[in-house]
PDB file of N, CA and C in Angstrom:
ATOM      1  N   MET A   1      43.656  -6.995  20.010  1.00  0.00           N
ATOM      2  CA  MET A   1      42.939  -6.758  18.777  1.00  0.00           C
ATOM      3  C   MET A   1      43.149  -5.303  18.372  1.00  0.00           C
ATOM      4  N   GLU A   2      43.531  -5.091  17.156  1.00  0.00           N
ATOM      5  CA  GLU A   2      43.820  -3.743  16.682  1.00  0.00           C
ATOM      6  C   GLU A   2      42.546  -3.077  16.193  1.00  0.00           C
ATOM      7  N   ASP A   3      42.432  -1.793  16.473  1.00  0.00           N
ATOM      8  CA  ASP A   3      41.293  -1.020  15.963  1.00  0.00           C
ATOM      9  C   ASP A   3      41.648  -0.524  14.574  1.00  0.00           C
ATOM     10  N   LYS A   4      40.899  -0.996  13.599  1.00  0.00           N
ATOM     11  CA  LYS A   4      41.127  -0.562  12.228  1.00  0.00           C
ATOM     12  C   LYS A   4      40.124   0.512  11.885  1.00  0.00           C
ATOM     13  N   GLU A   5      40.602   1.512  11.218  1.00  0.00           N
ATOM     14  CA  GLU A   5      39.714   2.583  10.793  1.00  0.00           C
ATOM     15  C   GLU A   5      39.002   2.178   9.520  1.00  0.00           C
ATOM     16  N   VAL A   6      37.711   2.405   9.506  1.00  0.00           N
ATOM     17  CA  VAL A   6      36.912   2.092   8.324  1.00  0.00           C
ATOM     18  C   VAL A   6      36.678   3.388   7.579  1.00  0.00           C
ATOM     19  N   LYS A   7      37.053   3.399   6.317  1.00  0.00           N
ATOM     20  CA  LYS A   7      36.857   4.592   5.505  1.00  0.00           C
ATOM     21  C   LYS A   7      35.552   4.467   4.740  1.00  0.00           C
ATOM     22  N   VAL A   8      34.750   5.492   4.822  1.00  0.00           N
ATOM     23  CA  VAL A   8      33.473   5.521   4.115  1.00  0.00           C
ATOM     24  C   VAL A   8      33.601   6.500   2.963  1.00  0.00           C
ATOM     25  N   ALA A   9      33.228   6.040   1.772  1.00  0.00           N
ATOM     26  CA  ALA A   9      33.333   6.895   0.588  1.00  0.00           C
ATOM     27  C   ALA A   9      32.228   7.941   0.631  1.00  0.00           C
ATOM     28  N   GLN A  10      32.593   9.152   0.376  1.00  0.00           N
ATOM     29  CA  GLN A  10      31.633  10.251   0.335  1.00  0.00           C
ATOM     30  C   GLN A  10      31.136  10.417  -1.103  1.00  0.00           C
ATOM     31  N   PRO A  11      29.847  10.727  -1.261  1.00  0.00           N
ATOM     32  CA  PRO A  11      29.346  10.926  -2.629  1.00  0.00           C
ATOM     33  C   PRO A  11      30.003  12.150  -3.268  1.00  0.00           C
ATOM     34  N   LYS A  12      30.339  11.995  -4.544  1.00  0.00           N
ATOM     35  CA  LYS A  12      31.016  13.078  -5.240  1.00  0.00           C
ATOM     36  C   LYS A  12      30.037  14.041  -5.876  1.00  0.00           C
ATOM     37  N   GLN A  13      28.859  13.530  -6.251  1.00  0.00           N
ATOM     38  CA  GLN A  13      27.879  14.417  -6.874  1.00  0.00           C
ATOM     39  C   GLN A  13      26.480  13.901  -6.591  1.00  0.00           C
ATOM     40  N   LYS A  14      25.519  14.784  -6.648  1.00  0.00           N
ATOM     41  CA  LYS A  14      24.121  14.415  -6.482  1.00  0.00           C
ATOM     42  C   LYS A  14      23.479  14.392  -7.848  1.00  0.00           C
ATOM     43  N   ILE A  15      22.653  13.375  -8.091  1.00  0.00           N
ATOM     44  CA  ILE A  15      21.984  13.244  -9.377  1.00  0.00           C
ATOM     45  C   ILE A  15      20.487  13.284  -9.143  1.00  0.00           C
ATOM     46  N   SER A  16      19.804  14.068  -9.933  1.00  0.00           N
ATOM     47  CA  SER A  16      18.346  14.129  -9.867  1.00  0.00           C
ATOM     48  C   SER A  16      17.791  13.440 -11.105  1.00  0.00           C
ATOM     49  N   VAL A  17      16.810  12.565 -10.892  1.00  0.00           N
ATOM     50  CA  VAL A  17      16.251  11.775 -11.990  1.00  0.00           C
ATOM     51  C   VAL A  17      14.783  12.119 -12.137  1.00  0.00           C
ATOM     52  N   ASP A  18      14.376  12.439 -13.346  1.00  0.00           N
ATOM     53  CA  ASP A  18      12.959  12.661 -13.645  1.00  0.00           C
ATOM     54  C   ASP A  18      12.442  11.399 -14.331  1.00  0.00           C
ATOM     55  N   LEU A  19      11.260  10.966 -13.908  1.00  0.00           N
ATOM     56  CA  LEU A  19      10.675   9.749 -14.452  1.00  0.00           C
ATOM     57  C   LEU A  19       9.308  10.070 -15.014  1.00  0.00           C
ATOM     58  N   GLU A  20       9.078   9.663 -16.238  1.00  0.00           N
ATOM     59  CA  GLU A  20       7.786   9.883 -16.866  1.00  0.00           C
ATOM     60  C   GLU A  20       7.162   8.520 -17.138  1.00  0.00           C
ATOM     61  N   VAL A  21       5.907   8.328 -16.689  1.00  0.00           N
ATOM     62  CA  VAL A  21       5.220   7.056 -16.845  1.00  0.00           C
ATOM     63  C   VAL A  21       4.031   7.252 -17.774  1.00  0.00           C
ATOM     64  N   ASP A  22       3.932   6.411 -18.783  1.00  0.00           N
ATOM     65  CA  ASP A  22       2.823   6.480 -19.731  1.00  0.00           C
ATOM     66  C   ASP A  22       1.660   5.660 -19.171  1.00  0.00           C
ATOM     67  N   THR A  23       0.553   6.304 -18.864  1.00  0.00           N
ATOM     68  CA  THR A  23      -0.607   5.613 -18.292  1.00  0.00           C
ATOM     69  C   THR A  23      -1.741   5.469 -19.291  1.00  0.00           C
ATOM     70  N   SER A  24      -1.473   5.687 -20.537  1.00  0.00           N
ATOM     71  CA  SER A  24      -2.535   5.565 -21.527  1.00  0.00           C
ATOM     72  C   SER A  24      -2.843   4.090 -21.786  1.00  0.00           C
ATOM     73  N   ILE A  25      -4.071   3.795 -22.126  1.00  0.00           N
ATOM     74  CA  ILE A  25      -4.499   2.432 -22.412  1.00  0.00           C
ATOM     75  C   ILE A  25      -4.114   2.088 -23.838  1.00  0.00           C
ATOM     76  N   LYS A  26      -3.488   0.944 -23.976  1.00  0.00           N
ATOM     77  CA  LYS A  26      -3.045   0.522 -25.295  1.00  0.00           C
ATOM     78  C   LYS A  26      -3.806  -0.724 -25.697  1.00  0.00           C
ATOM     79  N   ASP A  27      -4.257  -0.775 -26.932  1.00  0.00           N
ATOM     80  CA  ASP A  27      -4.944  -1.948 -27.453  1.00  0.00           C
ATOM     81  C   ASP A  27      -3.894  -2.921 -27.968  1.00  0.00           C
ATOM     82  N   LEU A  28      -3.725  -4.017 -27.228  1.00  0.00           N
ATOM     83  CA  LEU A  28      -2.731  -5.008 -27.610  1.00  0.00           C
ATOM     84  C   LEU A  28      -3.342  -6.148 -28.408  1.00  0.00           C
ATOM     85  N   GLY A  29      -4.613  -6.024 -28.758  1.00  0.00           N
ATOM     86  CA  GLY A  29      -5.266  -7.065 -29.542  1.00  0.00           C
ATOM     87  C   GLY A  29      -5.991  -8.064 -28.657  1.00  0.00           C
ATOM     88  N   ILE A  30      -6.332  -9.177 -29.228  1.00  0.00           N
ATOM     89  CA  ILE A  30      -7.074 -10.213 -28.514  1.00  0.00           C
ATOM     90  C   ILE A  30      -6.143 -10.933 -27.544  1.00  0.00           C
ATOM     91  N   ASN A  31      -6.641 -11.174 -26.333  1.00  0.00           N
ATOM     92  CA  ASN A  31      -5.873 -11.890 -25.326  1.00  0.00           C
ATOM     93  C   ASN A  31      -5.831 -13.368 -25.697  1.00  0.00           C
ATOM     94  N   PRO A  32      -4.654 -13.933 -25.910  1.00  0.00           N
ATOM     95  CA  PRO A  32      -4.579 -15.341 -26.312  1.00  0.00           C
ATOM     96  C   PRO A  32      -5.002 -16.304 -25.195  1.00  0.00           C
ATOM     97  N   TYR A  33      -5.077 -15.823 -23.973  1.00  0.00           N
ATOM     98  CA  TYR A  33      -5.438 -16.664 -22.840  1.00  0.00           C
ATOM     99  C   TYR A  33      -6.890 -16.484 -22.408  1.00  0.00           C
ATOM    100  N   ALA A  34      -7.695 -15.807 -23.202  1.00  0.00           N
ATOM    101  CA  ALA A  34      -9.072 -15.508 -22.814  1.00  0.00           C
ATOM    102  C   ALA A  34      -9.889 -16.779 -22.593  1.00  0.00           C
ATOM    103  N   LYS A  35      -9.725 -17.779 -23.457  1.00  0.00           N
ATOM    104  CA  LYS A  35     -10.492 -19.023 -23.306  1.00  0.00           C
ATOM    105  C   LYS A  35     -10.054 -19.785 -22.054  1.00  0.00           C
ATOM    106  N   LEU A  36      -8.769 -19.782 -21.777  1.00  0.00           N
ATOM    107  CA  LEU A  36      -8.264 -20.458 -20.595  1.00  0.00           C
ATOM    108  C   LEU A  36      -8.758 -19.765 -19.320  1.00  0.00           C
ATOM    109  N   ILE A  37      -8.783 -18.451 -19.330  1.00  0.00           N
ATOM    110  CA  ILE A  37      -9.288 -17.703 -18.181  1.00  0.00           C
ATOM    111  C   ILE A  37     -10.772 -17.977 -17.988  1.00  0.00           C
ATOM    112  N   HIS A  38     -11.523 -18.022 -19.072  1.00  0.00           N
ATOM    113  CA  HIS A  38     -12.950 -18.332 -18.998  1.00  0.00           C
ATOM    114  C   HIS A  38     -13.172 -19.729 -18.414  1.00  0.00           C
ATOM    115  N   LEU A  39     -12.380 -20.709 -18.851  1.00  0.00           N
ATOM    116  CA  LEU A  39     -12.482 -22.073 -18.329  1.00  0.00           C
ATOM    117  C   LEU A  39     -12.155 -22.108 -16.835  1.00  0.00           C
ATOM    118  N   ALA A  40     -11.123 -21.386 -16.418  1.00  0.00           N
ATOM    119  CA  ALA A  40     -10.747 -21.353 -15.006  1.00  0.00           C
ATOM    120  C   ALA A  40     -11.857 -20.755 -14.154  1.00  0.00           C
ATOM    121  N   ARG A  41     -12.492 -19.700 -14.647  1.00  0.00           N
ATOM    122  CA  ARG A  41     -13.611 -19.110 -13.899  1.00  0.00           C
ATOM    123  C   ARG A  41     -14.797 -20.057 -13.835  1.00  0.00           C
ATOM    124  N   ALA A  42     -15.053 -20.795 -14.911  1.00  0.00           N
ATOM    125  CA  ALA A  42     -16.158 -21.755 -14.921  1.00  0.00           C
ATOM    126  C   ALA A  42     -15.899 -22.881 -13.918  1.00  0.00           C
ATOM    127  N   VAL A  43     -14.689 -23.425 -13.914  1.00  0.00           N
ATOM    128  CA  VAL A  43     -14.357 -24.500 -12.965  1.00  0.00           C
ATOM    129  C   VAL A  43     -14.447 -23.985 -11.535  1.00  0.00           C
ATOM    130  N   ASP A  44     -13.996 -22.764 -11.317  1.00  0.00           N
ATOM    131  CA  ASP A  44     -14.092 -22.175  -9.978  1.00  0.00           C
ATOM    132  C   ASP A  44     -15.543 -22.003  -9.553  1.00  0.00           C
ATOM    133  N   SER A  45     -16.405 -21.623 -10.469  1.00  0.00           N
ATOM    134  CA  SER A  45     -17.814 -21.431 -10.104  1.00  0.00           C
ATOM    135  C   SER A  45     -18.537 -22.753  -9.890  1.00  0.00           C
ATOM    136  N   TRP A  46     -18.014 -23.840 -10.459  1.00  0.00           N
ATOM    137  CA  TRP A  46     -18.622 -25.160 -10.231  1.00  0.00           C
ATOM    138  C   TRP A  46     -18.299 -25.690  -8.841  1.00  0.00           C
ATOM    139  N   ARG A  47     -17.295 -25.147  -8.193  1.00  0.00           N
ATOM    140  CA  ARG A  47     -16.893 -25.514  -6.829  1.00  0.00           C
ATOM    141  C   ARG A  47     -16.618 -27.009  -6.722  1.00  0.00           C
ATOM    142  N   ILE A  48     -15.766 -27.501  -7.592  1.00  0.00           N
ATOM    143  CA  ILE A  48     -15.484 -28.937  -7.657  1.00  0.00           C
ATOM    144  C   ILE A  48     -14.848 -29.448  -6.362  1.00  0.00           C
ATOM    145  N   PHE A  49     -13.809 -28.787  -5.880  1.00  0.00           N
ATOM    146  CA  PHE A  49     -13.088 -29.308  -4.720  1.00  0.00           C
ATOM    147  C   PHE A  49     -13.930 -29.341  -3.450  1.00  0.00           C
ATOM    148  N   PRO A  50     -14.681 -28.288  -3.113  1.00  0.00           N
ATOM    149  CA  PRO A  50     -15.525 -28.413  -1.917  1.00  0.00           C
ATOM    150  C   PRO A  50     -16.553 -29.544  -2.045  1.00  0.00           C
ATOM    151  N   ARG A  51     -17.081 -29.753  -3.235  1.00  0.00           N
ATOM    152  CA  ARG A  51     -18.061 -30.820  -3.418  1.00  0.00           C
ATOM    153  C   ARG A  51     -17.424 -32.190  -3.309  1.00  0.00           C
ATOM    154  N   VAL A  52     -16.198 -32.332  -3.792  1.00  0.00           N
ATOM    155  CA  VAL A  52     -15.487 -33.608  -3.640  1.00  0.00           C
ATOM    156  C   VAL A  52     -15.207 -33.877  -2.161  1.00  0.00           C
ATOM    157  N   PHE A  53     -14.796 -32.857  -1.426  1.00  0.00           N
ATOM    158  CA  PHE A  53     -14.520 -33.037  -0.001  1.00  0.00           C
ATOM    159  C   PHE A  53     -15.784 -33.408   0.767  1.00  0.00           C
ATOM    160  N   ILE A  54     -16.884 -32.746   0.489  1.00  0.00           N
ATOM    161  CA  ILE A  54     -18.144 -33.059   1.170  1.00  0.00           C
ATOM    162  C   ILE A  54     -18.600 -34.463   0.817  1.00  0.00           C
ATOM    163  N   SER A  55     -18.484 -34.852  -0.451  1.00  0.00           N
ATOM    164  CA  SER A  55     -18.876 -36.205  -0.863  1.00  0.00           C
ATOM    165  C   SER A  55     -18.016 -37.262  -0.174  1.00  0.00           C
ATOM    166  N   THR A  56     -16.720 -37.007  -0.068  1.00  0.00           N
ATOM    167  CA  THR A  56     -15.826 -37.935   0.619  1.00  0.00           C
ATOM    168  C   THR A  56     -16.194 -38.040   2.090  1.00  0.00           C
ATOM    169  N   TYR A  57     -16.514 -36.915   2.716  1.00  0.00           N
ATOM    170  CA  TYR A  57     -16.916 -36.934   4.119  1.00  0.00           C
ATOM    171  C   TYR A  57     -18.223 -37.713   4.305  1.00  0.00           C
ATOM    172  N   ILE A  58     -19.175 -37.526   3.430  1.00  0.00           N
ATOM    173  CA  ILE A  58     -20.447 -38.246   3.547  1.00  0.00           C
ATOM    174  C   ILE A  58     -20.214 -39.749   3.455  1.00  0.00           C
ATOM    175  N   TYR A  59     -19.354 -40.170   2.528  1.00  0.00           N
ATOM    176  CA  TYR A  59     -19.028 -41.587   2.392  1.00  0.00           C
ATOM    177  C   TYR A  59     -18.354 -42.103   3.666  1.00  0.00           C
ATOM    178  N   LEU A  60     -17.392 -41.346   4.180  1.00  0.00           N
ATOM    179  CA  LEU A  60     -16.699 -41.728   5.416  1.00  0.00           C
ATOM    180  C   LEU A  60     -17.675 -41.828   6.580  1.00  0.00           C
ATOM    181  N   LEU A  61     -18.554 -40.874   6.707  1.00  0.00           N
ATOM    182  CA  LEU A  61     -19.540 -40.880   7.784  1.00  0.00           C
ATOM    183  C   LEU A  61     -20.444 -42.100   7.680  1.00  0.00           C
ATOM    184  N   TYR A  62     -20.891 -42.408   6.487  1.00  0.00           N
ATOM    185  CA  TYR A  62     -21.754 -43.570   6.277  1.00  0.00           C
ATOM    186  C   TYR A  62     -21.041 -44.847   6.708  1.00  0.00           C
ATOM    187  N   LYS A  63     -19.790 -45.041   6.265  1.00  0.00           N
ATOM    188  CA  LYS A  63     -19.050 -46.252   6.609  1.00  0.00           C
ATOM    189  C   LYS A  63     -18.799 -46.362   8.113  1.00  0.00           C
ATOM    190  N   VAL A  64     -18.473 -45.259   8.764  1.00  0.00           N
ATOM    191  CA  VAL A  64     -18.188 -45.276  10.196  1.00  0.00           C
ATOM    192  C   VAL A  64     -19.456 -45.589  10.988  1.00  0.00           C
ATOM    193  N   VAL A  65     -20.573 -44.999  10.611  1.00  0.00           N
ATOM    194  CA  VAL A  65     -21.827 -45.240  11.339  1.00  0.00           C
ATOM    195  C   VAL A  65     -22.277 -46.694  11.155  1.00  0.00           C
ATOM    196  N   ILE A  66     -22.184 -47.235   9.953  1.00  0.00           N
ATOM    197  CA  ILE A  66     -22.551 -48.637   9.716  1.00  0.00           C
ATOM    198  C   ILE A  66     -21.630 -49.561  10.521  1.00  0.00           C
ATOM    199  N   TRP A  67     -20.326 -49.252  10.518  1.00  0.00           N
ATOM    200  CA  TRP A  67     -19.375 -50.050  11.301  1.00  0.00           C
ATOM    201  C   TRP A  67     -19.731 -50.012  12.784  1.00  0.00           C
ATOM    202  N   TYR A  68     -20.040 -48.823  13.294  1.00  0.00           N
ATOM    203  CA  TYR A  68     -20.351 -48.661  14.720  1.00  0.00           C
ATOM    204  C   TYR A  68     -21.634 -49.397  15.099  1.00  0.00           C
ATOM    205  N   MET A  69     -22.635 -49.339  14.242  1.00  0.00           N
ATOM    206  CA  MET A  69     -23.908 -50.001  14.563  1.00  0.00           C
ATOM    207  C   MET A  69     -23.774 -51.525  14.532  1.00  0.00           C
ATOM    208  N   ASN A  70     -22.794 -52.068  13.823  1.00  0.00           N
ATOM    209  CA  ASN A  70     -22.597 -53.512  13.759  1.00  0.00           C
ATOM    210  C   ASN A  70     -21.734 -54.050  14.898  1.00  0.00           C
ATOM    211  N   LEU A  71     -21.204 -53.174  15.740  1.00  0.00           N
ATOM    212  CA  LEU A  71     -20.385 -53.630  16.865  1.00  0.00           C
ATOM    213  C   LEU A  71     -21.273 -54.239  17.940  1.00  0.00           C
ATOM    214  N   GLU A  72     -20.781 -55.341  18.573  1.00  0.00           N
ATOM    215  CA  GLU A  72     -21.538 -56.001  19.647  1.00  0.00           C
ATOM    216  C   GLU A  72     -21.537 -55.140  20.908  1.00  0.00           C
ATOM    217  N   GLY A  73     -20.369 -54.785  21.376  1.00  0.00           N
ATOM    218  CA  GLY A  73     -20.242 -53.967  22.581  1.00  0.00           C
ATOM    219  C   GLY A  73     -19.207 -52.887  22.345  1.00  0.00           C
ATOM    220  N   PRO A  74     -19.623 -51.732  21.854  1.00  0.00           N
ATOM    221  CA  PRO A  74     -18.643 -50.684  21.536  1.00  0.00           C
ATOM    222  C   PRO A  74     -17.946 -50.164  22.800  1.00  0.00           C
ATOM    223  N   THR A  75     -16.649 -49.913  22.655  1.00  0.00           N
ATOM    224  CA  THR A  75     -15.874 -49.363  23.760  1.00  0.00           C
ATOM    225  C   THR A  75     -15.965 -47.839  23.736  1.00  0.00           C
ATOM    226  N   MET A  76     -15.406 -47.244  24.766  1.00  0.00           N
ATOM    227  CA  MET A  76     -15.438 -45.778  24.838  1.00  0.00           C
ATOM    228  C   MET A  76     -14.590 -45.173  23.717  1.00  0.00           C
ATOM    229  N   GLU A  77     -13.494 -45.809  23.340  1.00  0.00           N
ATOM    230  CA  GLU A  77     -12.646 -45.299  22.263  1.00  0.00           C
ATOM    231  C   GLU A  77     -13.390 -45.325  20.929  1.00  0.00           C
ATOM    232  N   GLN A  78     -14.129 -46.408  20.696  1.00  0.00           N
ATOM    233  CA  GLN A  78     -14.902 -46.506  19.455  1.00  0.00           C
ATOM    234  C   GLN A  78     -16.008 -45.449  19.424  1.00  0.00           C
ATOM    235  N   SER A  79     -16.645 -45.228  20.558  1.00  0.00           N
ATOM    236  CA  SER A  79     -17.673 -44.184  20.632  1.00  0.00           C
ATOM    237  C   SER A  79     -17.067 -42.801  20.406  1.00  0.00           C
ATOM    238  N   GLY A  80     -15.863 -42.590  20.941  1.00  0.00           N
ATOM    239  CA  GLY A  80     -15.178 -41.315  20.737  1.00  0.00           C
ATOM    240  C   GLY A  80     -14.841 -41.082  19.275  1.00  0.00           C
ATOM    241  N   LEU A  81     -14.417 -42.143  18.579  1.00  0.00           N
ATOM    242  CA  LEU A  81     -14.111 -42.014  17.155  1.00  0.00           C
ATOM    243  C   LEU A  81     -15.349 -41.595  16.368  1.00  0.00           C
ATOM    244  N   VAL A  82     -16.467 -42.247  16.632  1.00  0.00           N
ATOM    245  CA  VAL A  82     -17.706 -41.904  15.927  1.00  0.00           C
ATOM    246  C   VAL A  82     -18.129 -40.481  16.274  1.00  0.00           C
ATOM    247  N   SER A  83     -17.976 -40.109  17.523  1.00  0.00           N
ATOM    248  CA  SER A  83     -18.339 -38.753  17.938  1.00  0.00           C
ATOM    249  C   SER A  83     -17.498 -37.701  17.210  1.00  0.00           C
ATOM    250  N   ILE A  84     -16.205 -37.968  17.052  1.00  0.00           N
ATOM    251  CA  ILE A  84     -15.325 -37.026  16.365  1.00  0.00           C
ATOM    252  C   ILE A  84     -15.687 -36.932  14.882  1.00  0.00           C
ATOM    253  N   VAL A  85     -15.969 -38.065  14.254  1.00  0.00           N
ATOM    254  CA  VAL A  85     -16.314 -38.055  12.825  1.00  0.00           C
ATOM    255  C   VAL A  85     -17.622 -37.298  12.607  1.00  0.00           C
ATOM    256  N   VAL A  86     -18.611 -37.533  13.474  1.00  0.00           N
ATOM    257  CA  VAL A  86     -19.893 -36.828  13.340  1.00  0.00           C
ATOM    258  C   VAL A  86     -19.711 -35.341  13.643  1.00  0.00           C
ATOM    259  N   GLY A  87     -18.909 -35.009  14.651  1.00  0.00           N
ATOM    260  CA  GLY A  87     -18.656 -33.599  14.979  1.00  0.00           C
ATOM    261  C   GLY A  87     -17.925 -32.871  13.869  1.00  0.00           C
ATOM    262  N   ALA A  88     -17.022 -33.573  13.211  1.00  0.00           N
ATOM    263  CA  ALA A  88     -16.314 -32.952  12.083  1.00  0.00           C
ATOM    264  C   ALA A  88     -17.289 -32.636  10.959  1.00  0.00           C
ATOM    265  N   GLY A  89     -18.357 -33.424  10.850  1.00  0.00           N
ATOM    266  CA  GLY A  89     -19.373 -33.167   9.820  1.00  0.00           C
ATOM    267  C   GLY A  89     -20.031 -31.820  10.007  1.00  0.00           C
ATOM    268  N   ALA A  90     -20.283 -31.444  11.257  1.00  0.00           N
ATOM    269  CA  ALA A  90     -20.885 -30.136  11.514  1.00  0.00           C
ATOM    270  C   ALA A  90     -19.951 -29.017  11.064  1.00  0.00           C
ATOM    271  N   ALA A  91     -18.664 -29.195  11.326  1.00  0.00           N
ATOM    272  CA  ALA A  91     -17.688 -28.181  10.895  1.00  0.00           C
ATOM    273  C   ALA A  91     -17.608 -28.123   9.373  1.00  0.00           C
ATOM    274  N   TRP A  92     -17.547 -29.289   8.715  1.00  0.00           N
ATOM    275  CA  TRP A  92     -17.497 -29.327   7.253  1.00  0.00           C
ATOM    276  C   TRP A  92     -18.720 -28.667   6.651  1.00  0.00           C
ATOM    277  N   PHE A  93     -19.882 -29.019   7.185  1.00  0.00           N
ATOM    278  CA  PHE A  93     -21.112 -28.465   6.640  1.00  0.00           C
ATOM    279  C   PHE A  93     -21.166 -26.952   6.841  1.00  0.00           C
ATOM    280  N   GLY A  94     -20.729 -26.485   7.998  1.00  0.00           N
ATOM    281  CA  GLY A  94     -20.702 -25.048   8.259  1.00  0.00           C
ATOM    282  C   GLY A  94     -19.765 -24.307   7.328  1.00  0.00           C
ATOM    283  N   LEU A  95     -18.604 -24.893   7.080  1.00  0.00           N
ATOM    284  CA  LEU A  95     -17.658 -24.262   6.147  1.00  0.00           C
ATOM    285  C   LEU A  95     -18.201 -24.268   4.724  1.00  0.00           C
ATOM    286  N   TYR A  96     -18.837 -25.358   4.342  1.00  0.00           N
ATOM    287  CA  TYR A  96     -19.347 -25.473   2.968  1.00  0.00           C
ATOM    288  C   TYR A  96     -20.487 -24.496   2.713  1.00  0.00           C
ATOM    289  N   THR A  97     -21.415 -24.411   3.644  1.00  0.00           N
ATOM    290  CA  THR A  97     -22.550 -23.513   3.442  1.00  0.00           C
ATOM    291  C   THR A  97     -22.184 -22.057   3.712  1.00  0.00           C
ATOM    292  N   GLY A  98     -21.184 -21.817   4.544  1.00  0.00           N
ATOM    293  CA  GLY A  98     -20.769 -20.453   4.841  1.00  0.00           C
ATOM    294  C   GLY A  98     -19.940 -19.817   3.749  1.00  0.00           C
ATOM    295  N   SER A  99     -19.328 -20.642   2.928  1.00  0.00           N
ATOM    296  CA  SER A  99     -18.532 -20.108   1.824  1.00  0.00           C
ATOM    297  C   SER A  99     -19.362 -20.149   0.556  1.00  0.00           C
ATOM    298  N   ARG A 100     -19.074 -19.243  -0.314  1.00  0.00           N
ATOM    299  CA  ARG A 100     -19.768 -19.242  -1.605  1.00  0.00           C
ATOM    300  C   ARG A 100     -18.784 -18.832  -2.673  1.00  0.00           C
ATOM    301  N   ALA A 101     -19.127 -19.169  -3.880  1.00  0.00           N
ATOM    302  CA  ALA A 101     -18.236 -18.850  -4.997  1.00  0.00           C
ATOM    303  C   ALA A 101     -18.129 -17.345  -5.142  1.00  0.00           C
ATOM    304  N   LYS A 102     -16.941 -16.862  -5.397  1.00  0.00           N
ATOM    305  CA  LYS A 102     -16.733 -15.433  -5.602  1.00  0.00           C
ATOM    306  C   LYS A 102     -17.201 -15.078  -7.002  1.00  0.00           C
ATOM    307  N   SER A 103     -18.038 -14.089  -7.072  1.00  0.00           N
ATOM    308  CA  SER A 103     -18.546 -13.689  -8.387  1.00  0.00           C
ATOM    309  C   SER A 103     -18.054 -12.286  -8.714  1.00  0.00           C
ATOM    310  N   ASP A 104     -17.803 -12.081  -9.988  1.00  0.00           N
ATOM    311  CA  ASP A 104     -17.390 -10.762 -10.453  1.00  0.00           C
ATOM    312  C   ASP A 104     -18.627  -9.897 -10.632  1.00  0.00           C
ATOM    313  N   LYS A 105     -18.526  -8.669 -10.181  1.00  0.00           N
ATOM    314  CA  LYS A 105     -19.660  -7.742 -10.322  1.00  0.00           C
ATOM    315  C   LYS A 105     -19.383  -6.835 -11.510  1.00  0.00           C
ATOM    316  N   LYS A 106     -19.488  -7.423 -12.682  1.00  0.00           N
ATOM    317  CA  LYS A 106     -19.214  -6.646 -13.905  1.00  0.00           C
ATOM    318  C   LYS A 106     -20.488  -6.412 -14.650  1.00  0.00           C
TER     319      LYS A 106
END
């Protein structure tokens, strides 16, 4: 294998650049998305998704408990399933009550 020399180009000149940034506030008029932003904040404050998840869990828990109580002789696997569903409820409830909607402090 031959050793090839790699030539590196040397800079011919140094350039100094001055940058000026305008930080003044400019009035661009009415924000066309203001109503959409307001709607998004309202939907976020209603907490739709956490409430849907909790409602779905409550329905699931109800169906599983009714199913389990109607069994003649529940097996250990069936008892484990009910135990897991009920235990998940504690986690769901803790997450739901521990979280709260983020509010702007304006």
